[in-house]
N, C-alpha and C. Protein backbone atom coordinates (compact mmCIF):
# COMPACT_ATOMS: atom_id res chain seq x y z
N MET A 1 11.62 1.75 8.90
CA MET A 1 12.27 0.52 8.70
C MET A 1 11.10 -0.76 7.92
N LEU A 2 9.68 -0.36 8.13
CA LEU A 2 8.94 -1.12 7.52
C LEU A 2 9.05 -0.87 6.01
N PHE A 3 9.31 0.19 5.67
CA PHE A 3 8.99 0.46 4.18
C PHE A 3 10.27 -0.82 3.49
N ALA A 4 11.55 -0.17 4.25
CA ALA A 4 12.05 -0.87 3.25
C ALA A 4 12.43 -2.34 3.60
N TYR A 5 11.64 -3.00 4.31
CA TYR A 5 11.92 -4.56 4.88
C TYR A 5 10.62 -4.71 3.82
N ILE A 6 9.70 -3.79 3.55
CA ILE A 6 8.91 -4.32 1.91
C ILE A 6 9.31 -4.27 0.95
N SER A 7 9.85 -3.53 0.26
CA SER A 7 10.71 -2.93 -0.33
C SER A 7 11.83 -4.45 -0.87
N GLY A 8 12.74 -4.60 0.40
CA GLY A 8 13.08 -6.16 0.37
C GLY A 8 12.17 -7.70 -0.19
N ILE A 9 10.63 -7.71 0.73
CA ILE A 9 9.95 -8.62 0.40
C ILE A 9 9.87 -8.58 -1.61
N LEU A 10 9.43 -7.39 -2.05
CA LEU A 10 9.33 -7.21 -3.51
C LEU A 10 10.32 -7.79 -3.98
N ALA A 11 11.78 -7.03 -4.02
CA ALA A 11 12.71 -7.89 -4.61
C ALA A 11 13.14 -9.44 -4.75
N LYS A 12 12.79 -9.97 -3.08
CA LYS A 12 12.78 -11.49 -3.47
C LYS A 12 11.87 -12.14 -4.00
N LEU A 13 10.97 -11.35 -4.51
CA LEU A 13 9.64 -12.03 -5.83
C LEU A 13 9.79 -11.53 -7.09
N ASN A 14 10.99 -10.60 -7.27
CA ASN A 14 11.46 -10.44 -8.85
C ASN A 14 10.54 -9.08 -9.01
N CYS A 15 10.07 -8.47 -7.77
CA CYS A 15 9.13 -6.99 -8.59
C CYS A 15 10.11 -5.99 -8.04
N PHE A 16 9.82 -5.03 -9.09
CA PHE A 16 10.42 -3.80 -8.75
C PHE A 16 10.13 -2.45 -8.13
N SER A 17 10.72 -2.23 -6.80
CA SER A 17 10.11 -1.23 -6.18
C SER A 17 9.83 0.00 -6.42
N LEU A 18 9.33 0.60 -7.35
CA LEU A 18 9.43 2.39 -7.08
C LEU A 18 9.44 3.08 -6.13
N ALA A 19 8.13 2.64 -4.99
CA ALA A 19 8.28 3.75 -4.02
C ALA A 19 7.13 2.93 -2.79
N VAL A 20 7.67 2.89 -1.41
CA VAL A 20 7.02 2.52 -0.46
C VAL A 20 7.09 3.35 0.40
N ASN A 21 5.97 4.21 0.88
CA ASN A 21 5.83 5.19 2.03
C ASN A 21 3.69 5.16 2.47
N GLY A 22 4.19 5.63 4.08
CA GLY A 22 2.75 5.85 4.32
C GLY A 22 2.64 6.87 5.26
N HIS A 23 1.35 6.93 5.83
CA HIS A 23 0.96 8.13 6.70
C HIS A 23 0.26 7.29 7.54
N LYS A 24 0.87 6.93 9.18
CA LYS A 24 0.08 6.84 10.01
C LYS A 24 -0.98 5.48 9.98
N ASP A 25 -2.04 5.46 8.67
CA ASP A 25 -2.76 4.41 9.26
C ASP A 25 -2.93 3.55 7.39
N HIS A 26 -2.07 3.24 6.90
CA HIS A 26 -1.83 3.01 5.27
C HIS A 26 -0.46 2.99 5.02
N VAL A 27 -0.16 2.47 3.93
CA VAL A 27 1.17 1.94 3.32
C VAL A 27 0.42 1.98 1.70
N HIS A 28 1.51 2.41 0.78
CA HIS A 28 1.31 2.87 -0.96
C HIS A 28 2.65 2.10 -0.91
N ILE A 29 2.37 1.48 -1.94
CA ILE A 29 3.55 0.21 -2.61
C ILE A 29 3.42 0.35 -4.25
N PHE A 30 4.95 1.28 -4.73
CA PHE A 30 4.08 1.19 -6.17
C PHE A 30 5.14 0.33 -6.55
N PHE A 31 5.29 -1.15 -7.45
CA PHE A 31 6.48 -1.67 -7.78
C PHE A 31 5.80 -2.25 -8.90
N GLU A 32 6.95 -2.37 -10.15
CA GLU A 32 7.01 -3.31 -11.36
C GLU A 32 6.28 -4.63 -10.89
N LEU A 33 4.73 -5.13 -11.98
CA LEU A 33 4.83 -6.42 -11.15
C LEU A 33 4.75 -7.21 -12.93
N PRO A 34 5.80 -8.01 -12.32
CA PRO A 34 6.07 -9.54 -13.35
C PRO A 34 4.94 -10.28 -13.95
N VAL A 35 5.03 -10.27 -15.32
CA VAL A 35 3.62 -11.16 -15.78
C VAL A 35 3.50 -12.39 -15.22
N THR A 36 4.79 -13.06 -14.87
CA THR A 36 4.92 -14.52 -14.05
C THR A 36 4.07 -14.30 -12.40
N ALA A 37 3.95 -13.60 -12.30
CA ALA A 37 2.92 -12.98 -10.71
C ALA A 37 1.86 -12.01 -10.35
N ASN A 38 1.34 -12.30 -9.60
CA ASN A 38 -0.28 -11.92 -9.88
C ASN A 38 -0.38 -11.08 -8.22
N ILE A 39 -1.44 -10.30 -8.41
CA ILE A 39 -1.54 -9.11 -7.22
C ILE A 39 -1.63 -9.68 -6.14
N SER A 40 -2.61 -10.37 -6.09
CA SER A 40 -3.10 -11.09 -4.91
C SER A 40 -2.31 -12.01 -4.14
N ASP A 41 -1.46 -12.98 -4.81
CA ASP A 41 -0.34 -13.34 -4.09
C ASP A 41 0.78 -12.48 -3.57
N VAL A 42 1.10 -11.72 -4.31
CA VAL A 42 1.85 -10.84 -3.84
C VAL A 42 1.50 -9.91 -2.69
N MET A 43 0.68 -9.61 -2.89
CA MET A 43 -0.20 -8.50 -1.47
C MET A 43 -0.23 -9.39 -0.39
N GLY A 44 -0.40 -11.02 -0.40
CA GLY A 44 -0.63 -11.95 0.38
C GLY A 44 0.75 -12.24 1.03
N ILE A 45 2.37 -12.13 0.59
CA ILE A 45 2.91 -12.62 1.00
C ILE A 45 3.51 -11.15 1.99
N ILE A 46 3.49 -9.97 0.73
CA ILE A 46 4.11 -8.60 1.82
C ILE A 46 2.94 -8.88 3.02
N ASN A 47 1.72 -9.04 3.21
CA ASN A 47 1.02 -8.79 4.07
C ASN A 47 1.66 -9.44 5.20
N SER A 48 1.72 -10.95 5.22
CA SER A 48 2.07 -11.97 6.39
C SER A 48 3.02 -11.93 6.60
N ASN A 49 4.04 -11.34 5.67
CA ASN A 49 5.71 -11.11 5.76
C ASN A 49 5.91 -9.97 6.83
N SER A 50 5.50 -9.19 6.47
CA SER A 50 5.51 -7.75 6.97
C SER A 50 4.95 -7.65 8.23
N SER A 51 3.80 -8.45 8.34
CA SER A 51 2.62 -8.37 9.80
C SER A 51 4.07 -9.30 10.92
N LYS A 52 4.42 -10.12 10.44
CA LYS A 52 5.32 -11.21 11.28
C LYS A 52 6.40 -10.54 11.30
N TRP A 53 7.00 -9.62 10.70
CA TRP A 53 8.39 -9.48 10.95
C TRP A 53 7.91 -7.86 11.97
N ILE A 54 6.93 -6.99 11.86
CA ILE A 54 6.66 -6.19 12.87
C ILE A 54 6.21 -7.21 14.68
N ASN A 55 5.66 -7.84 14.20
CA ASN A 55 5.39 -8.95 15.75
C ASN A 55 6.75 -9.59 16.09
N GLU A 56 6.96 -9.65 15.42
CA GLU A 56 9.00 -10.35 15.67
C GLU A 56 9.25 -9.19 16.73
N ASN A 57 9.66 -8.45 15.93
CA ASN A 57 10.19 -7.28 16.78
C ASN A 57 9.60 -6.42 17.56
N LYS A 58 8.35 -6.91 17.36
CA LYS A 58 7.42 -5.99 18.93
C LYS A 58 7.41 -4.64 18.75
N TYR A 59 7.58 -4.02 17.37
CA TYR A 59 7.02 -2.51 17.15
C TYR A 59 5.84 -2.04 17.47
N MET A 60 4.82 -3.03 17.88
CA MET A 60 3.32 -2.72 17.83
C MET A 60 3.20 -3.00 19.60
N PRO A 61 2.17 -2.61 20.63
CA PRO A 61 1.70 -3.80 21.78
C PRO A 61 0.63 -4.49 20.84
N GLY A 62 0.81 -5.75 21.54
CA GLY A 62 -0.27 -6.36 21.18
C GLY A 62 0.29 -7.42 19.90
N LYS A 63 -0.63 -8.01 19.29
CA LYS A 63 -0.72 -8.71 18.08
C LYS A 63 -0.93 -7.37 16.93
N PHE A 64 -0.40 -7.24 16.22
CA PHE A 64 -0.35 -6.51 14.44
C PHE A 64 -0.79 -7.48 13.95
N GLU A 65 -1.83 -7.06 12.80
CA GLU A 65 -2.41 -7.60 11.91
C GLU A 65 -2.76 -6.46 11.03
N TRP A 66 -2.65 -6.53 9.68
CA TRP A 66 -3.16 -6.02 8.51
C TRP A 66 -4.62 -6.14 8.60
N GLN A 67 -5.43 -4.54 8.31
CA GLN A 67 -6.81 -5.01 7.49
C GLN A 67 -7.07 -5.84 6.74
N PRO A 68 -8.25 -6.73 6.31
CA PRO A 68 -7.94 -7.77 4.87
C PRO A 68 -8.03 -7.09 4.02
N GLY A 69 -8.01 -7.29 2.97
CA GLY A 69 -8.05 -6.57 1.55
C GLY A 69 -7.03 -5.32 1.23
N TYR A 70 -7.21 -5.14 0.29
CA TYR A 70 -6.16 -3.88 -0.57
C TYR A 70 -6.37 -3.42 -1.47
N GLY A 71 -5.90 -2.23 -1.58
CA GLY A 71 -6.75 -1.60 -3.22
C GLY A 71 -5.38 -1.46 -4.32
N ALA A 72 -5.62 -2.28 -5.38
CA ALA A 72 -4.50 -2.21 -6.10
C ALA A 72 -5.23 -1.43 -7.57
N PHE A 73 -3.85 -0.40 -8.34
CA PHE A 73 -4.57 0.37 -9.25
C PHE A 73 -3.22 0.42 -9.89
N SER A 74 -3.76 0.45 -11.14
CA SER A 74 -2.51 0.17 -12.47
C SER A 74 -2.34 1.52 -12.89
N HIS A 75 -1.11 2.27 -13.38
CA HIS A 75 -0.86 3.14 -13.99
C HIS A 75 0.00 2.88 -14.57
N SER A 76 -0.25 4.16 -16.00
CA SER A 76 0.83 3.86 -17.27
C SER A 76 2.21 4.31 -16.84
N HIS A 77 2.93 4.13 -17.53
CA HIS A 77 4.30 4.49 -17.50
C HIS A 77 5.04 5.84 -17.41
N SER A 78 3.83 6.63 -18.25
CA SER A 78 4.19 8.04 -18.27
C SER A 78 3.70 8.68 -17.18
N GLN A 79 3.05 8.22 -16.02
CA GLN A 79 2.35 8.65 -15.15
C GLN A 79 3.38 8.63 -13.71
N ARG A 80 4.44 7.57 -14.20
CA ARG A 80 5.63 6.53 -12.77
C ARG A 80 5.95 8.11 -12.23
N HIS A 81 6.58 9.26 -12.62
CA HIS A 81 7.48 10.00 -11.92
C HIS A 81 6.67 10.70 -11.34
N SER A 82 4.89 11.19 -11.65
CA SER A 82 4.25 11.52 -10.72
C SER A 82 3.80 10.78 -9.32
N ILE A 83 3.43 9.40 -9.88
CA ILE A 83 3.00 8.85 -8.65
C ILE A 83 4.46 8.53 -7.73
N ILE A 84 5.42 7.93 -8.03
CA ILE A 84 6.56 7.91 -7.01
C ILE A 84 6.53 9.17 -6.22
N ASN A 85 6.54 10.24 -6.80
CA ASN A 85 6.61 12.07 -5.68
C ASN A 85 5.38 11.93 -4.92
N TYR A 86 4.40 12.00 -5.32
CA TYR A 86 2.86 11.48 -4.34
C TYR A 86 3.49 10.62 -3.47
N ILE A 87 3.83 9.21 -3.42
CA ILE A 87 4.15 8.63 -2.48
C ILE A 87 5.26 9.08 -1.71
N LYS A 88 6.38 9.27 -2.07
CA LYS A 88 6.96 9.91 -1.29
C LYS A 88 6.54 11.10 -0.57
N ASN A 89 5.47 12.07 -0.78
CA ASN A 89 5.37 13.10 0.15
C ASN A 89 3.99 12.72 0.76
N GLN A 90 3.97 11.68 1.59
CA GLN A 90 2.38 11.10 1.60
C GLN A 90 2.08 11.86 2.86
N GLU A 91 3.34 12.62 3.78
CA GLU A 91 2.84 13.47 5.09
C GLU A 91 2.52 14.98 4.39
N TYR A 92 3.08 15.13 3.62
CA TYR A 92 2.51 16.66 3.49
C TYR A 92 1.26 16.62 2.87
N HIS A 93 1.23 15.62 1.71
CA HIS A 93 -0.64 15.25 1.13
C HIS A 93 -0.93 15.00 2.34
N HIS A 94 -1.14 14.60 3.04
CA HIS A 94 -2.37 13.97 4.55
C HIS A 94 -2.41 15.50 5.24
N SER A 95 -1.70 16.48 4.74
CA SER A 95 -1.81 17.12 5.83
C SER A 95 -3.15 18.76 5.75
N THR A 96 -3.54 18.02 4.42
CA THR A 96 -5.13 18.64 3.94
C THR A 96 -5.85 17.10 3.11
N LYS A 97 -5.88 16.00 3.31
CA LYS A 97 -6.62 15.03 3.04
C LYS A 97 -6.34 14.32 3.45
N THR A 98 -7.58 12.94 4.43
CA THR A 98 -7.29 11.99 4.82
C THR A 98 -7.21 10.88 3.79
N PHE A 99 -6.48 9.67 4.66
CA PHE A 99 -6.88 8.22 3.69
C PHE A 99 -8.27 7.96 3.39
N ARG A 100 -9.10 8.54 4.30
CA ARG A 100 -10.64 8.31 3.97
C ARG A 100 -10.85 9.04 2.07
N GLU A 101 -10.54 10.28 2.27
CA GLU A 101 -10.77 11.51 1.12
C GLU A 101 -9.95 10.67 0.05
N GLU A 102 -9.02 10.25 -0.21
CA GLU A 102 -7.91 9.85 -0.68
C GLU A 102 -8.32 8.89 -1.59
N TYR A 103 -8.55 7.61 -0.08
CA TYR A 103 -8.94 6.31 -1.35
C TYR A 103 -10.67 6.29 -1.99
N LEU A 104 -11.45 6.84 -1.46
CA LEU A 104 -12.52 7.08 -2.00
C LEU A 104 -12.63 7.93 -3.38
N ALA A 105 -11.72 8.92 -3.20
CA ALA A 105 -11.39 9.81 -4.53
C ALA A 105 -10.88 8.86 -5.75
N MET A 106 -10.10 8.15 -5.55
CA MET A 106 -8.90 6.67 -6.35
C MET A 106 -10.55 5.87 -6.66
N LEU A 107 -11.42 5.53 -5.70
CA LEU A 107 -12.15 4.57 -6.40
C LEU A 107 -13.22 5.47 -7.55
N ASN A 108 -13.58 6.55 -7.18
CA ASN A 108 -14.29 7.03 -8.03
C ASN A 108 -13.37 7.45 -9.33
N ASN A 109 -12.32 7.98 -8.85
CA ASN A 109 -11.52 8.48 -10.38
C ASN A 109 -11.29 7.07 -11.32
N PHE A 110 -11.16 5.75 -10.74
CA PHE A 110 -10.94 5.07 -11.54
C PHE A 110 -12.06 3.98 -12.11
N GLU A 111 -13.46 4.61 -11.72
CA GLU A 111 -14.83 4.36 -11.86
C GLU A 111 -15.21 2.95 -11.45
N ILE A 112 -14.30 2.79 -9.83
CA ILE A 112 -14.93 1.54 -9.33
C ILE A 112 -16.26 1.60 -8.81
N GLU A 113 -16.92 0.63 -8.39
CA GLU A 113 -18.47 0.89 -8.27
C GLU A 113 -17.96 0.02 -6.66
N PHE A 114 -18.47 0.55 -5.72
CA PHE A 114 -17.91 -0.09 -3.99
C PHE A 114 -19.44 -0.33 -3.25
N LYS A 115 -19.08 -0.65 -1.98
CA LYS A 115 -20.09 -0.87 -0.89
C LYS A 115 -19.31 -0.04 -0.01
N ASN A 116 -20.01 0.44 0.56
CA ASN A 116 -19.26 1.24 2.14
C ASN A 116 -19.34 0.07 3.02
N GLU A 117 -20.16 -0.62 2.90
CA GLU A 117 -19.21 -1.94 3.96
C GLU A 117 -18.14 -2.58 3.39
N TYR A 118 -17.87 -2.70 2.55
CA TYR A 118 -16.61 -3.37 1.58
C TYR A 118 -15.15 -2.52 1.88
N VAL A 119 -15.75 -1.34 2.45
CA VAL A 119 -14.55 -0.16 2.23
C VAL A 119 -13.30 -0.35 3.85
N PHE A 120 -12.50 -0.67 3.76
CA PHE A 120 -11.57 0.01 4.67
C PHE A 120 -12.17 0.18 5.86
N GLU A 121 -11.85 -0.06 7.06
CA GLU A 121 -12.23 0.82 8.43
C GLU A 121 -11.14 2.21 8.59
N PHE A 122 -11.59 3.25 8.41
CA PHE A 122 -10.87 4.07 8.38
C PHE A 122 -10.49 4.72 9.84
N TYR A 123 -9.21 5.32 10.28
CA TYR A 123 -8.68 5.85 11.43
C TYR A 123 -8.83 7.17 11.44
N ASP A 124 -9.66 8.09 10.97
CA ASP A 124 -9.55 9.44 10.65
C ASP A 124 -9.30 10.45 11.91
């Protein structure tokens, strides 16, 4: 239900949702970002609206909130199909690789310098 809700938020923002899925401790959101929008605003709206929805519907005990920050990566149109399949198959993918391993590999593959103290808190 959360993934469908996030897709609905994207639609209201005129962002075309390509794939939304996750596994236990994270969500992947793959969408087309219109030239009139910026990723920071879109992610802020997704985070605030989805956490409000989770709390109003009491899907979690206590108050739910996302960790601060997010990772955003762009991909070429030719990679679209493989990215969508990757996101759809999160449960299978994470049977062999943790989110920590996945995310650090993405940072390295995109040659993004980072400090460990600024990376997400992982729940391995």
